Amino acid sequence: MLSESVLRLIHTVTDLGSFTAAANQLNKVPSAISYSIKQAEDELGIKIFERHHRSVSLTPAGSHFVQETRNLLLQLENIKLSTQRIANNWQPSISITFDNVLRADKISALISDFYKAFDDVELTVKLGVFNGVWESLVSGQSDIAVGATTAIPNGGNYKYRDMGNIDWVFCVGSKHALANVDLPLTEEQLLNFPVVCVEDTARDSQKRELWRLPNQRRIVVPDWIRAINCVATGLAVGYFPSHLVDIFIKSGRLVEKSIENPLNKESCCIAWHSDNHSDALNWLVEYFGDTENLRKQWLS
């Protein structure tokens, strides 16, 4: 059976794309990396990597193996952490992943209220985007996902609560060439300008792209604040959650525009593992409240 160290070696080679780069990172010689990979391939009875002149790439079987073992490594890491916590008398912990589409000021209030309610539970707060939020929940990295969009993934037992709809608004900067153009804007007009895209934080599942025309150039940013800045300064155009850009539209930094084939409203939700019955999780679910409270607190 392959050891954890060999699995991590395979993932390192995958991420870096060559035996030499992996050797440099791990302070080993390339021949040692190549030998270990060959032993793993012999044990599995498959070829994990295609060898090229100065690089390697995954075979179809290798790609499947890496994808399947990534979650296994995450589970092993979680087991180590939980075991260390028990050995060191650490208290339980709970983790939340918030989609970046939500109001960030409410997160600070939640953290403060949580620590007033629990003095023996560690709280971990993470930010994600689109499918990365679901991936965090499905992989076990988070106990609850807040602001998750699109459909709940197949498999697994989850409970969820609707948060209401996200209204998507198309914007350009106030000094952009399209700011004073008659409505609605056509695809032909929009193709002349880059579109700003907030990058999905998913690593192992398919990344989602909110909106882009075929062959339209992108500016990829990590969050909505950077996206707003790109559009406000005239670098790009793009879609935004209305509750995040209303203030910028009212101040005149952004201009809302109508376009052909606009995006529809999109529902989002909070979701959690149905087999988790901890007091901390129950408190959080109650804290978030019903759909109306969720919409008012996080999407307005």
C-alpha atoms as a PDB file:
ATOM      1  CA  MET A   1       0.000   0.000   0.000  1.00  0.00           C
ATOM      2  CA  LEU A   2       1.354   3.417  -0.912  1.00  0.00           C
ATOM      3  CA  SER A   3       2.471   5.537   2.027  1.00  0.00           C
ATOM      4  CA  GLU A   4       1.282   9.064   2.738  1.00  0.00           C
ATOM      5  CA  SER A   5       4.725  10.431   1.856  1.00  0.00           C
ATOM      6  CA  VAL A   6       4.570   8.799  -1.585  1.00  0.00           C
ATOM      7  CA  LEU A   7       1.084  10.181  -2.182  1.00  0.00           C
ATOM      8  CA  ARG A   8       2.299  13.667  -1.250  1.00  0.00           C
ATOM      9  CA  LEU A   9       5.288  13.223  -3.552  1.00  0.00           C
ATOM     10  CA  ILE A  10       2.982  12.352  -6.459  1.00  0.00           C
ATOM     11  CA  HIS A  11       0.906  15.471  -5.742  1.00  0.00           C
ATOM     12  CA  THR A  12       4.031  17.648  -5.557  1.00  0.00           C
ATOM     13  CA  VAL A  13       5.223  16.400  -8.949  1.00  0.00           C
ATOM     14  CA  THR A  14       1.718  16.988 -10.331  1.00  0.00           C
ATOM     15  CA  ASP A  15       1.609  20.559  -9.042  1.00  0.00           C
ATOM     16  CA  LEU A  16       5.135  21.466 -10.214  1.00  0.00           C
ATOM     17  CA  GLY A  17       5.091  19.546 -13.490  1.00  0.00           C
ATOM     18  CA  SER A  18       8.561  18.025 -13.338  1.00  0.00           C
ATOM     19  CA  PHE A  19      10.758  15.689 -11.319  1.00  0.00           C
ATOM     20  CA  THR A  20      13.519  18.315 -11.165  1.00  0.00           C
ATOM     21  CA  ALA A  21      11.239  21.008  -9.735  1.00  0.00           C
ATOM     22  CA  ALA A  22       9.907  18.549  -7.156  1.00  0.00           C
ATOM     23  CA  ALA A  23      13.451  17.513  -6.248  1.00  0.00           C
ATOM     24  CA  ASN A  24      14.463  21.144  -5.724  1.00  0.00           C
ATOM     25  CA  GLN A  25      11.478  21.810  -3.481  1.00  0.00           C
ATOM     26  CA  LEU A  26      11.999  18.631  -1.436  1.00  0.00           C
ATOM     27  CA  ASN A  27      15.825  18.926  -1.284  1.00  0.00           C
ATOM     28  CA  LYS A  28      16.315  15.629  -3.090  1.00  0.00           C
ATOM     29  CA  VAL A  29      18.047  14.600  -6.297  1.00  0.00           C
ATOM     30  CA  PRO A  30      15.841  14.120  -9.389  1.00  0.00           C
ATOM     31  CA  SER A  31      16.848  10.455  -9.672  1.00  0.00           C
ATOM     32  CA  ALA A  32      15.408   9.763  -6.202  1.00  0.00           C
ATOM     33  CA  ILE A  33      12.105  11.365  -7.225  1.00  0.00           C
ATOM     34  CA  SER A  34      12.012   9.400 -10.472  1.00  0.00           C
ATOM     35  CA  TYR A  35      12.775   6.130  -8.620  1.00  0.00           C
ATOM     36  CA  SER A  36      10.013   6.677  -6.047  1.00  0.00           C
ATOM     37  CA  ILE A  37       7.468   7.491  -8.748  1.00  0.00           C
ATOM     38  CA  LYS A  38       8.474   4.399 -10.740  1.00  0.00           C
ATOM     39  CA  GLN A  39       8.026   2.218  -7.639  1.00  0.00           C
ATOM     40  CA  ALA A  40       4.571   3.699  -7.059  1.00  0.00           C
ATOM     41  CA  GLU A  41       3.614   3.055 -10.693  1.00  0.00           C
ATOM     42  CA  ASP A  42       4.823  -0.541 -10.438  1.00  0.00           C
ATOM     43  CA  GLU A  43       2.792  -1.084  -7.254  1.00  0.00           C
ATOM     44  CA  LEU A  44      -0.346   0.393  -8.819  1.00  0.00           C
ATOM     45  CA  GLY A  45       0.205  -1.350 -12.143  1.00  0.00           C
ATOM     46  CA  ILE A  46      -0.408   1.870 -14.073  1.00  0.00           C
ATOM     47  CA  LYS A  47       1.569   4.716 -15.559  1.00  0.00           C
ATOM     48  CA  ILE A  48       0.893   7.864 -13.511  1.00  0.00           C
ATOM     49  CA  PHE A  49       2.985  10.311 -15.544  1.00  0.00           C
ATOM     50  CA  GLU A  50       3.912  10.762 -19.172  1.00  0.00           C
ATOM     51  CA  ARG A  51       7.615  11.678 -19.320  1.00  0.00           C
ATOM     52  CA  HIS A  52       8.549  14.542 -21.620  1.00  0.00           C
ATOM     53  CA  HIS A  53      11.948  16.124 -22.277  1.00  0.00           C
ATOM     54  CA  ARG A  54      11.909  18.481 -19.297  1.00  0.00           C
ATOM     55  CA  SER A  55       8.494  17.947 -17.782  1.00  0.00           C
ATOM     56  CA  VAL A  56       5.848  15.383 -16.939  1.00  0.00           C
ATOM     57  CA  SER A  57       2.076  15.322 -17.294  1.00  0.00           C
ATOM     58  CA  LEU A  58      -0.591  13.069 -15.844  1.00  0.00           C
ATOM     59  CA  THR A  59      -1.958  10.167 -17.806  1.00  0.00           C
ATOM     60  CA  PRO A  60      -5.763   9.740 -17.712  1.00  0.00           C
ATOM     61  CA  ALA A  61      -5.325   7.047 -15.046  1.00  0.00           C
ATOM     62  CA  GLY A  62      -2.884   9.264 -13.167  1.00  0.00           C
ATOM     63  CA  SER A  63      -5.304  12.173 -13.246  1.00  0.00           C
ATOM     64  CA  HIS A  64      -8.019   9.955 -11.726  1.00  0.00           C
ATOM     65  CA  PHE A  65      -5.617   8.704  -9.051  1.00  0.00           C
ATOM     66  CA  VAL A  66      -4.519  12.219  -8.060  1.00  0.00           C
ATOM     67  CA  GLN A  67      -8.089  13.485  -7.899  1.00  0.00           C
ATOM     68  CA  GLU A  68      -9.243  10.569  -5.738  1.00  0.00           C
ATOM     69  CA  THR A  69      -6.285  10.746  -3.342  1.00  0.00           C
ATOM     70  CA  ARG A  70      -6.494  14.516  -2.801  1.00  0.00           C
ATOM     71  CA  ASN A  71      -9.525  14.117  -0.535  1.00  0.00           C
ATOM     72  CA  LEU A  72      -7.806  11.172   1.161  1.00  0.00           C
ATOM     73  CA  LEU A  73      -4.842  13.378   2.070  1.00  0.00           C
ATOM     74  CA  LEU A  74      -7.210  16.034   3.409  1.00  0.00           C
ATOM     75  CA  GLN A  75      -8.914  13.419   5.576  1.00  0.00           C
ATOM     76  CA  LEU A  76      -5.558  12.180   6.880  1.00  0.00           C
ATOM     77  CA  GLU A  77      -4.594  15.747   7.775  1.00  0.00           C
ATOM     78  CA  ASN A  78      -7.888  16.264   9.590  1.00  0.00           C
ATOM     79  CA  ILE A  79      -7.367  13.015  11.530  1.00  0.00           C
ATOM     80  CA  LYS A  80      -3.879  14.159  12.563  1.00  0.00           C
ATOM     81  CA  LEU A  81      -5.164  17.530  13.725  1.00  0.00           C
ATOM     82  CA  SER A  82      -8.060  16.076  15.695  1.00  0.00           C
ATOM     83  CA  THR A  83      -5.768  13.484  17.319  1.00  0.00           C
ATOM     84  CA  GLN A  84      -3.267  16.189  18.284  1.00  0.00           C
ATOM     85  CA  ARG A  85      -6.067  18.240  19.789  1.00  0.00           C
ATOM     86  CA  ILE A  86      -7.157  15.321  21.956  1.00  0.00           C
ATOM     87  CA  ALA A  87      -3.560  14.610  23.014  1.00  0.00           C
ATOM     88  CA  ASN A  88      -3.039  18.257  23.980  1.00  0.00           C
ATOM     89  CA  ASN A  89      -6.457  18.692  25.608  1.00  0.00           C
ATOM     90  CA  TRP A  90      -7.567  21.069  22.872  1.00  0.00           C
ATOM     91  CA  GLN A  91     -11.246  21.884  22.740  1.00  0.00           C
ATOM     92  CA  PRO A  92     -13.537  21.162  19.773  1.00  0.00           C
ATOM     93  CA  SER A  93     -13.543  23.395  16.720  1.00  0.00           C
ATOM     94  CA  ILE A  94     -15.972  24.404  13.993  1.00  0.00           C
ATOM     95  CA  SER A  95     -15.278  25.896  10.586  1.00  0.00           C
ATOM     96  CA  ILE A  96     -17.392  28.180   8.376  1.00  0.00           C
ATOM     97  CA  THR A  97     -16.812  29.102   4.747  1.00  0.00           C
ATOM     98  CA  PHE A  98     -18.503  32.298   3.582  1.00  0.00           C
ATOM     99  CA  ASP A  99     -18.937  33.118  -0.078  1.00  0.00           C
ATOM    100  CA  ASN A 100     -17.224  36.382  -0.925  1.00  0.00           C
ATOM    101  CA  VAL A 101     -20.558  37.656  -2.271  1.00  0.00           C
ATOM    102  CA  LEU A 102     -21.810  38.275   1.274  1.00  0.00           C
ATOM    103  CA  ARG A 103     -21.495  41.400   3.409  1.00  0.00           C
ATOM    104  CA  ALA A 104     -18.116  41.154   5.142  1.00  0.00           C
ATOM    105  CA  ASP A 105     -19.034  43.443   8.048  1.00  0.00           C
ATOM    106  CA  LYS A 106     -21.476  40.845   9.363  1.00  0.00           C
ATOM    107  CA  ILE A 107     -18.695  38.251   9.680  1.00  0.00           C
ATOM    108  CA  SER A 108     -16.887  40.267  12.356  1.00  0.00           C
ATOM    109  CA  ALA A 109     -20.108  40.562  14.352  1.00  0.00           C
ATOM    110  CA  LEU A 110     -20.686  36.814  14.114  1.00  0.00           C
ATOM    111  CA  ILE A 111     -17.162  36.043  15.365  1.00  0.00           C
ATOM    112  CA  SER A 112     -17.651  38.317  18.362  1.00  0.00           C
ATOM    113  CA  ASP A 113     -21.047  36.840  19.211  1.00  0.00           C
ATOM    114  CA  PHE A 114     -19.761  33.275  18.818  1.00  0.00           C
ATOM    115  CA  TYR A 115     -16.915  33.754  21.289  1.00  0.00           C
ATOM    116  CA  LYS A 116     -19.308  35.290  23.799  1.00  0.00           C
ATOM    117  CA  ALA A 117     -21.441  32.153  23.539  1.00  0.00           C
ATOM    118  CA  PHE A 118     -18.576  29.600  23.532  1.00  0.00           C
ATOM    119  CA  ASP A 119     -15.372  29.829  25.528  1.00  0.00           C
ATOM    120  CA  ASP A 120     -14.271  26.274  24.744  1.00  0.00           C
ATOM    121  CA  VAL A 121     -14.707  25.998  20.952  1.00  0.00           C
ATOM    122  CA  GLU A 122     -12.312  27.205  18.263  1.00  0.00           C
ATOM    123  CA  LEU A 123     -13.926  29.007  15.322  1.00  0.00           C
ATOM    124  CA  THR A 124     -12.278  28.988  11.897  1.00  0.00           C
ATOM    125  CA  VAL A 125     -13.630  31.404   9.278  1.00  0.00           C
ATOM    126  CA  LYS A 126     -12.764  31.074   5.597  1.00  0.00           C
ATOM    127  CA  LEU A 127     -13.751  32.927   2.444  1.00  0.00           C
ATOM    128  CA  GLY A 128     -14.568  31.178  -0.821  1.00  0.00           C
ATOM    129  CA  VAL A 129     -16.015  31.933  -4.234  1.00  0.00           C
ATOM    130  CA  PHE A 130     -18.701  29.976  -6.138  1.00  0.00           C
ATOM    131  CA  ASN A 131     -17.984  26.224  -6.336  1.00  0.00           C
ATOM    132  CA  GLY A 132     -15.080  26.594  -3.905  1.00  0.00           C
ATOM    133  CA  VAL A 133     -17.625  27.160  -1.129  1.00  0.00           C
ATOM    134  CA  TRP A 134     -19.344  23.831  -1.854  1.00  0.00           C
ATOM    135  CA  GLU A 135     -16.004  22.078  -2.226  1.00  0.00           C
ATOM    136  CA  SER A 136     -14.975  23.224   1.236  1.00  0.00           C
ATOM    137  CA  LEU A 137     -18.128  21.677   2.712  1.00  0.00           C
ATOM    138  CA  VAL A 138     -18.038  18.449   0.685  1.00  0.00           C
ATOM    139  CA  SER A 139     -14.345  17.821   1.433  1.00  0.00           C
ATOM    140  CA  GLY A 140     -14.893  18.261   5.166  1.00  0.00           C
ATOM    141  CA  GLN A 141     -12.748  21.382   5.428  1.00  0.00           C
ATOM    142  CA  SER A 142     -15.808  23.287   6.647  1.00  0.00           C
ATOM    143  CA  ASP A 143     -18.789  22.359   8.782  1.00  0.00           C
ATOM    144  CA  ILE A 144     -21.121  24.960   7.323  1.00  0.00           C
ATOM    145  CA  ALA A 145     -21.212  26.886   4.035  1.00  0.00           C
ATOM    146  CA  VAL A 146     -22.857  30.309   3.896  1.00  0.00           C
ATOM    147  CA  GLY A 147     -23.880  31.996   0.649  1.00  0.00           C
ATOM    148  CA  ALA A 148     -23.419  28.879  -1.482  1.00  0.00           C
ATOM    149  CA  THR A 149     -24.845  29.400  -4.971  1.00  0.00           C
ATOM    150  CA  THR A 150     -26.322  27.084  -7.635  1.00  0.00           C
ATOM    151  CA  ALA A 151     -27.530  23.553  -6.935  1.00  0.00           C
ATOM    152  CA  ILE A 152     -26.555  21.464  -3.917  1.00  0.00           C
ATOM    153  CA  PRO A 153     -24.026  18.802  -5.034  1.00  0.00           C
ATOM    154  CA  ASN A 154     -24.995  15.167  -5.463  1.00  0.00           C
ATOM    155  CA  GLY A 155     -23.993  12.770  -2.727  1.00  0.00           C
ATOM    156  CA  GLY A 156     -23.603  13.460   0.960  1.00  0.00           C
ATOM    157  CA  ASN A 157     -26.276  14.325   3.489  1.00  0.00           C
ATOM    158  CA  TYR A 158     -26.859  18.049   3.828  1.00  0.00           C
ATOM    159  CA  LYS A 159     -29.408  20.324   5.362  1.00  0.00           C
ATOM    160  CA  TYR A 160     -29.873  23.739   3.893  1.00  0.00           C
ATOM    161  CA  ARG A 161     -31.787  26.979   4.272  1.00  0.00           C
ATOM    162  CA  ASP A 162     -32.609  29.454   1.515  1.00  0.00           C
ATOM    163  CA  MET A 163     -31.002  32.895   1.884  1.00  0.00           C
ATOM    164  CA  GLY A 164     -32.933  34.654  -0.870  1.00  0.00           C
ATOM    165  CA  ASN A 165     -31.827  35.856  -4.280  1.00  0.00           C
ATOM    166  CA  ILE A 166     -28.739  37.631  -5.555  1.00  0.00           C
ATOM    167  CA  ASP A 167     -29.573  40.375  -8.058  1.00  0.00           C
ATOM    168  CA  TRP A 168     -26.799  40.680 -10.637  1.00  0.00           C
ATOM    169  CA  VAL A 169     -26.103  44.177 -11.995  1.00  0.00           C
ATOM    170  CA  PHE A 170     -23.977  44.919 -15.051  1.00  0.00           C
ATOM    171  CA  CYS A 171     -21.716  47.948 -14.554  1.00  0.00           C
ATOM    172  CA  VAL A 172     -19.124  50.104 -16.277  1.00  0.00           C
ATOM    173  CA  GLY A 173     -17.038  52.933 -14.849  1.00  0.00           C
ATOM    174  CA  SER A 174     -18.459  56.465 -14.934  1.00  0.00           C
ATOM    175  CA  LYS A 175     -15.782  57.537 -17.434  1.00  0.00           C
ATOM    176  CA  HIS A 176     -15.890  54.376 -19.520  1.00  0.00           C
ATOM    177  CA  ALA A 177     -16.546  54.614 -23.256  1.00  0.00           C
ATOM    178  CA  LEU A 178     -19.853  52.761 -22.781  1.00  0.00           C
ATOM    179  CA  ALA A 179     -21.104  54.874 -19.873  1.00  0.00           C
ATOM    180  CA  ASN A 180     -23.247  57.138 -22.056  1.00  0.00           C
ATOM    181  CA  VAL A 181     -24.084  54.679 -24.847  1.00  0.00           C
ATOM    182  CA  ASP A 182     -27.774  54.024 -25.525  1.00  0.00           C
ATOM    183  CA  LEU A 183     -29.249  50.878 -24.015  1.00  0.00           C
ATOM    184  CA  PRO A 184     -29.185  47.955 -24.181  1.00  0.00           C
ATOM    185  CA  LEU A 185     -25.516  47.215 -24.889  1.00  0.00           C
ATOM    186  CA  THR A 186     -24.915  44.557 -27.531  1.00  0.00           C
ATOM    187  CA  GLU A 187     -22.461  41.677 -27.384  1.00  0.00           C
ATOM    188  CA  GLU A 188     -20.577  43.255 -30.276  1.00  0.00           C
ATOM    189  CA  GLN A 189     -20.054  46.420 -28.223  1.00  0.00           C
ATOM    190  CA  LEU A 190     -19.037  44.544 -25.079  1.00  0.00           C
ATOM    191  CA  LEU A 191     -16.488  42.297 -26.811  1.00  0.00           C
ATOM    192  CA  ASN A 192     -14.208  45.286 -27.291  1.00  0.00           C
ATOM    193  CA  PHE A 193     -13.551  45.506 -23.544  1.00  0.00           C
ATOM    194  CA  PRO A 194     -12.128  43.092 -20.948  1.00  0.00           C
ATOM    195  CA  VAL A 195     -14.522  41.577 -18.423  1.00  0.00           C
ATOM    196  CA  VAL A 196     -13.550  41.327 -14.760  1.00  0.00           C
ATOM    197  CA  CYS A 197     -14.007  37.857 -13.256  1.00  0.00           C
ATOM    198  CA  VAL A 198     -13.795  36.875  -9.590  1.00  0.00           C
ATOM    199  CA  GLU A 199     -11.953  33.552  -9.572  1.00  0.00           C
ATOM    200  CA  ASP A 200     -13.715  30.473  -8.246  1.00  0.00           C
ATOM    201  CA  THR A 201     -11.724  29.084  -5.286  1.00  0.00           C
ATOM    202  CA  ALA A 202     -12.452  25.439  -6.181  1.00  0.00           C
ATOM    203  CA  ARG A 203      -9.307  23.331  -6.529  1.00  0.00           C
ATOM    204  CA  ASP A 204     -10.550  19.840  -7.315  1.00  0.00           C
ATOM    205  CA  SER A 205     -13.977  20.500  -8.821  1.00  0.00           C
ATOM    206  CA  GLN A 206     -14.878  22.464 -11.926  1.00  0.00           C
ATOM    207  CA  LYS A 207     -14.481  26.214 -11.554  1.00  0.00           C
ATOM    208  CA  ARG A 208     -17.479  28.371 -12.295  1.00  0.00           C
ATOM    209  CA  GLU A 209     -17.320  31.546 -14.364  1.00  0.00           C
ATOM    210  CA  LEU A 210     -20.180  33.965 -13.709  1.00  0.00           C
ATOM    211  CA  TRP A 211     -20.401  35.701 -17.098  1.00  0.00           C
ATOM    212  CA  ARG A 212     -18.159  36.169 -20.120  1.00  0.00           C
ATOM    213  CA  LEU A 213     -18.735  36.405 -23.856  1.00  0.00           C
ATOM    214  CA  PRO A 214     -16.964  33.891 -26.135  1.00  0.00           C
ATOM    215  CA  ASN A 215     -13.306  34.922 -26.652  1.00  0.00           C
ATOM    216  CA  GLN A 216     -13.686  37.993 -24.432  1.00  0.00           C
ATOM    217  CA  ARG A 217     -10.492  38.918 -22.607  1.00  0.00           C
ATOM    218  CA  ARG A 218     -10.583  38.576 -18.811  1.00  0.00           C
ATOM    219  CA  ILE A 219      -9.121  40.311 -15.809  1.00  0.00           C
ATOM    220  CA  VAL A 220      -9.175  37.681 -13.057  1.00  0.00           C
ATOM    221  CA  VAL A 221      -9.242  38.951  -9.458  1.00  0.00           C
ATOM    222  CA  PRO A 222      -9.622  37.254  -6.047  1.00  0.00           C
ATOM    223  CA  ASP A 223     -12.619  39.176  -4.670  1.00  0.00           C
ATOM    224  CA  TRP A 224     -15.423  41.624  -5.425  1.00  0.00           C
ATOM    225  CA  ILE A 225     -13.613  44.679  -4.010  1.00  0.00           C
ATOM    226  CA  ARG A 226     -10.783  44.230  -6.525  1.00  0.00           C
ATOM    227  CA  ALA A 227     -13.400  43.663  -9.244  1.00  0.00           C
ATOM    228  CA  ILE A 228     -15.217  46.884  -8.347  1.00  0.00           C
ATOM    229  CA  ASN A 229     -11.939  48.813  -8.463  1.00  0.00           C
ATOM    230  CA  CYS A 230     -11.117  47.424 -11.910  1.00  0.00           C
ATOM    231  CA  VAL A 231     -14.462  48.564 -13.308  1.00  0.00           C
ATOM    232  CA  ALA A 232     -14.523  51.896 -11.467  1.00  0.00           C
ATOM    233  CA  THR A 233     -11.126  52.818 -12.949  1.00  0.00           C
ATOM    234  CA  GLY A 234     -12.236  51.879 -16.469  1.00  0.00           C
ATOM    235  CA  LEU A 235     -10.082  48.763 -16.874  1.00  0.00           C
ATOM    236  CA  ALA A 236     -12.986  46.389 -17.445  1.00  0.00           C
ATOM    237  CA  VAL A 237     -16.748  45.834 -17.415  1.00  0.00           C
ATOM    238  CA  GLY A 238     -18.672  43.183 -15.535  1.00  0.00           C
ATOM    239  CA  TYR A 239     -21.486  41.850 -13.392  1.00  0.00           C
ATOM    240  CA  PHE A 240     -21.778  42.457  -9.645  1.00  0.00           C
ATOM    241  CA  PRO A 241     -24.121  41.579  -6.774  1.00  0.00           C
ATOM    242  CA  SER A 242     -26.421  44.581  -6.472  1.00  0.00           C
ATOM    243  CA  HIS A 243     -26.099  44.811  -2.674  1.00  0.00           C
ATOM    244  CA  LEU A 244     -22.325  45.275  -2.998  1.00  0.00           C
ATOM    245  CA  VAL A 245     -22.368  47.961  -5.698  1.00  0.00           C
ATOM    246  CA  ASP A 246     -25.463  50.038  -4.872  1.00  0.00           C
ATOM    247  CA  ILE A 247     -23.334  52.508  -2.907  1.00  0.00           C
ATOM    248  CA  PHE A 248     -20.865  52.870  -5.802  1.00  0.00           C
ATOM    249  CA  ILE A 249     -23.679  53.415  -8.299  1.00  0.00           C
ATOM    250  CA  LYS A 250     -25.283  56.049  -6.054  1.00  0.00           C
ATOM    251  CA  SER A 251     -21.936  57.820  -5.607  1.00  0.00           C
ATOM    252  CA  GLY A 252     -21.379  57.912  -9.372  1.00  0.00           C
ATOM    253  CA  ARG A 253     -18.269  55.713  -9.500  1.00  0.00           C
ATOM    254  CA  LEU A 254     -20.148  52.957 -11.354  1.00  0.00           C
ATOM    255  CA  VAL A 255     -22.901  53.152 -13.944  1.00  0.00           C
ATOM    256  CA  GLU A 256     -25.511  50.404 -14.183  1.00  0.00           C
ATOM    257  CA  LYS A 257     -26.191  49.328 -17.777  1.00  0.00           C
ATOM    258  CA  SER A 258     -28.690  47.076 -19.505  1.00  0.00           C
ATOM    259  CA  ILE A 259     -27.294  44.467 -21.858  1.00  0.00           C
ATOM    260  CA  GLU A 260     -28.640  41.885 -24.241  1.00  0.00           C
ATOM    261  CA  ASN A 261     -29.318  38.499 -22.597  1.00  0.00           C
ATOM    262  CA  PRO A 262     -28.835  39.663 -18.987  1.00  0.00           C
ATOM    263  CA  LEU A 263     -28.202  37.340 -16.053  1.00  0.00           C
ATOM    264  CA  ASN A 264     -31.206  36.217 -14.041  1.00  0.00           C
ATOM    265  CA  LYS A 265     -31.471  36.440 -10.284  1.00  0.00           C
ATOM    266  CA  GLU A 266     -29.738  33.599  -8.481  1.00  0.00           C
ATOM    267  CA  SER A 267     -30.671  31.888  -5.245  1.00  0.00           C
ATOM    268  CA  CYS A 268     -28.160  31.088  -2.539  1.00  0.00           C
ATOM    269  CA  CYS A 269     -28.298  29.215   0.744  1.00  0.00           C
ATOM    270  CA  ILE A 270     -26.540  28.070   3.871  1.00  0.00           C
ATOM    271  CA  ALA A 271     -25.797  24.347   4.045  1.00  0.00           C
ATOM    272  CA  TRP A 272     -24.349  22.000   6.652  1.00  0.00           C
ATOM    273  CA  HIS A 273     -23.761  18.304   7.262  1.00  0.00           C
ATOM    274  CA  SER A 274     -26.923  16.700   8.578  1.00  0.00           C
ATOM    275  CA  ASP A 275     -24.961  14.247  10.752  1.00  0.00           C
ATOM    276  CA  ASN A 276     -23.277  17.063  12.702  1.00  0.00           C
ATOM    277  CA  HIS A 277     -25.248  17.680  15.892  1.00  0.00           C
ATOM    278  CA  SER A 278     -22.744  19.780  17.836  1.00  0.00           C
ATOM    279  CA  ASP A 279     -23.951  22.587  20.081  1.00  0.00           C
ATOM    280  CA  ALA A 280     -21.776  25.045  18.165  1.00  0.00           C
ATOM    281  CA  LEU A 281     -23.314  24.143  14.810  1.00  0.00           C
ATOM    282  CA  ASN A 282     -26.833  24.287  16.224  1.00  0.00           C
ATOM    283  CA  TRP A 283     -26.066  27.721  17.681  1.00  0.00           C
ATOM    284  CA  LEU A 284     -24.788  28.983  14.318  1.00  0.00           C
ATOM    285  CA  VAL A 285     -27.815  27.701  12.419  1.00  0.00           C
ATOM    286  CA  GLU A 286     -30.101  29.424  14.909  1.00  0.00           C
ATOM    287  CA  TYR A 287     -27.946  32.577  14.803  1.00  0.00           C
ATOM    288  CA  PHE A 288     -28.331  32.894  11.041  1.00  0.00           C
ATOM    289  CA  GLY A 289     -32.098  32.718  11.440  1.00  0.00           C
ATOM    290  CA  ASP A 290     -34.766  32.237   8.802  1.00  0.00           C
ATOM    291  CA  THR A 291     -34.665  33.125   5.107  1.00  0.00           C
ATOM    292  CA  GLU A 292     -35.896  36.673   5.630  1.00  0.00           C
ATOM    293  CA  ASN A 293     -33.287  37.395   8.283  1.00  0.00           C
ATOM    294  CA  LEU A 294     -30.545  35.869   6.140  1.00  0.00           C
ATOM    295  CA  ARG A 295     -31.514  38.040   3.181  1.00  0.00           C
ATOM    296  CA  LYS A 296     -31.660  41.242   5.227  1.00  0.00           C
ATOM    297  CA  GLN A 297     -28.430  40.598   7.121  1.00  0.00           C
ATOM    298  CA  TRP A 298     -26.208  39.245   4.377  1.00  0.00           C
ATOM    299  CA  LEU A 299     -27.658  40.225   0.979  1.00  0.00           C
ATOM    300  CA  SER A 300     -28.838  43.795   1.446  1.00  0.00           C
END
